[in-house]
Amino acid sequence: MIGIVGALDVPIIYYSVEWWRGLHPKVLKVSGGQGLDPAMARTLALCSITFILLFFLFLLLRVRLGLLQDQVESLKVLADRRTSHMEPA
């Protein structure tokens, strides 16, 4: 049901910029044909690079965590084998 309502809402969202012009911010045109102020472009680039680096940091940490979990499981298996061989029959 939510998907149907969401699909029907897409054209309303798309055309709302034209229907209610006062509610949407104006697009700024800077000389050179681009619509983004140079200061805003630098900020966007900095934020994009920061989030990409943050993603790779989290990815690296997750890989390290997975390797540590594998080592813990290996040690548990090894400990179980040793205790099973040491128990008196």
Protein backbone atom coordinates (compact mmCIF):
# COMPACT_ATOMS: atom_id res chain seq x y z
CA MET A 1 0.00 0.00 0.00
CA ILE A 2 2.79 2.40 0.89
CA GLY A 3 4.54 1.60 -2.41
CA ILE A 4 1.38 2.45 -4.38
CA VAL A 5 0.94 5.77 -2.57
CA GLY A 6 4.64 6.52 -3.03
CA ALA A 7 4.47 5.75 -6.76
CA LEU A 8 1.43 7.99 -7.18
CA ASP A 9 3.24 10.75 -5.27
CA VAL A 10 6.24 10.87 -7.65
CA PRO A 11 4.60 13.08 -10.31
CA ILE A 12 3.29 15.43 -7.62
CA ILE A 13 6.77 15.83 -6.19
CA TYR A 14 8.30 16.31 -9.64
CA TYR A 15 5.83 19.00 -10.76
CA SER A 16 5.53 20.72 -7.37
CA VAL A 17 8.55 22.86 -8.24
CA GLU A 18 6.58 24.38 -11.12
CA TRP A 19 3.23 24.51 -9.35
CA TRP A 20 4.42 26.23 -6.19
CA ARG A 21 7.37 28.31 -7.35
CA GLY A 22 7.56 30.38 -4.17
CA LEU A 23 8.29 27.35 -2.00
CA HIS A 24 11.32 26.11 -3.93
CA PRO A 25 14.74 27.83 -3.86
CA LYS A 26 15.95 29.49 -7.04
CA VAL A 27 18.81 27.94 -9.01
CA LEU A 28 21.74 30.34 -9.11
CA LYS A 29 23.62 30.68 -12.37
CA VAL A 30 27.26 31.68 -12.10
CA SER A 31 29.29 32.93 -15.02
CA GLY A 32 30.71 29.99 -16.93
CA GLY A 33 27.41 28.16 -17.18
CA GLN A 34 27.56 26.18 -13.96
CA GLY A 35 24.83 26.58 -11.38
CA LEU A 36 27.03 26.09 -8.33
CA ASP A 37 28.93 28.86 -6.59
CA PRO A 38 32.68 28.06 -6.33
CA ALA A 39 32.56 28.18 -2.52
CA MET A 40 29.65 25.75 -2.54
CA ALA A 41 31.50 23.50 -5.01
CA ARG A 42 34.54 23.37 -2.69
CA THR A 43 32.30 22.57 0.27
CA LEU A 44 30.54 19.82 -1.69
CA ALA A 45 33.88 18.36 -2.76
CA LEU A 46 35.23 18.45 0.79
CA CYS A 47 32.11 16.78 2.19
CA SER A 48 32.15 14.13 -0.55
CA ILE A 49 35.81 13.30 0.06
CA THR A 50 35.23 13.20 3.81
CA PHE A 51 32.31 10.77 3.50
CA ILE A 52 34.25 8.56 1.08
CA LEU A 53 37.18 8.42 3.51
CA LEU A 54 34.79 7.71 6.37
CA PHE A 55 33.24 4.87 4.36
CA PHE A 56 36.66 3.30 3.76
CA LEU A 57 37.56 3.69 7.44
CA PHE A 58 34.37 1.87 8.46
CA LEU A 59 35.02 -0.76 5.79
CA LEU A 60 38.55 -1.32 7.09
CA LEU A 61 37.29 -1.57 10.67
CA ARG A 62 34.61 -4.07 9.64
CA VAL A 63 37.14 -6.24 7.80
CA ARG A 64 39.41 -6.20 10.85
CA LEU A 65 36.46 -7.15 13.05
CA GLY A 66 35.62 -10.06 10.73
CA LEU A 67 39.22 -11.30 10.85
CA LEU A 68 39.22 -11.09 14.65
CA GLN A 69 35.94 -13.01 14.79
CA ASP A 70 37.48 -15.73 12.61
CA GLN A 71 40.48 -15.92 14.93
CA VAL A 72 38.23 -16.21 17.99
CA GLU A 73 36.28 -19.04 16.36
CA SER A 74 39.52 -20.84 15.47
CA LEU A 75 40.75 -20.50 19.04
CA LYS A 76 37.45 -21.84 20.37
CA VAL A 77 37.69 -24.88 18.10
CA LEU A 78 41.29 -25.45 19.16
CA ALA A 79 40.38 -25.11 22.84
CA ASP A 80 37.48 -27.56 22.44
CA ARG A 81 39.81 -30.10 20.81
CA ARG A 82 42.37 -29.78 23.59
CA THR A 83 39.79 -30.13 26.37
CA SER A 84 38.23 -33.17 24.66
CA HIS A 85 41.66 -34.89 24.45
CA MET A 86 42.51 -34.09 28.07
CA GLU A 87 39.30 -35.36 29.66
CA PRO A 88 39.63 -38.78 31.30
CA ALA A 89 37.69 -41.52 29.59
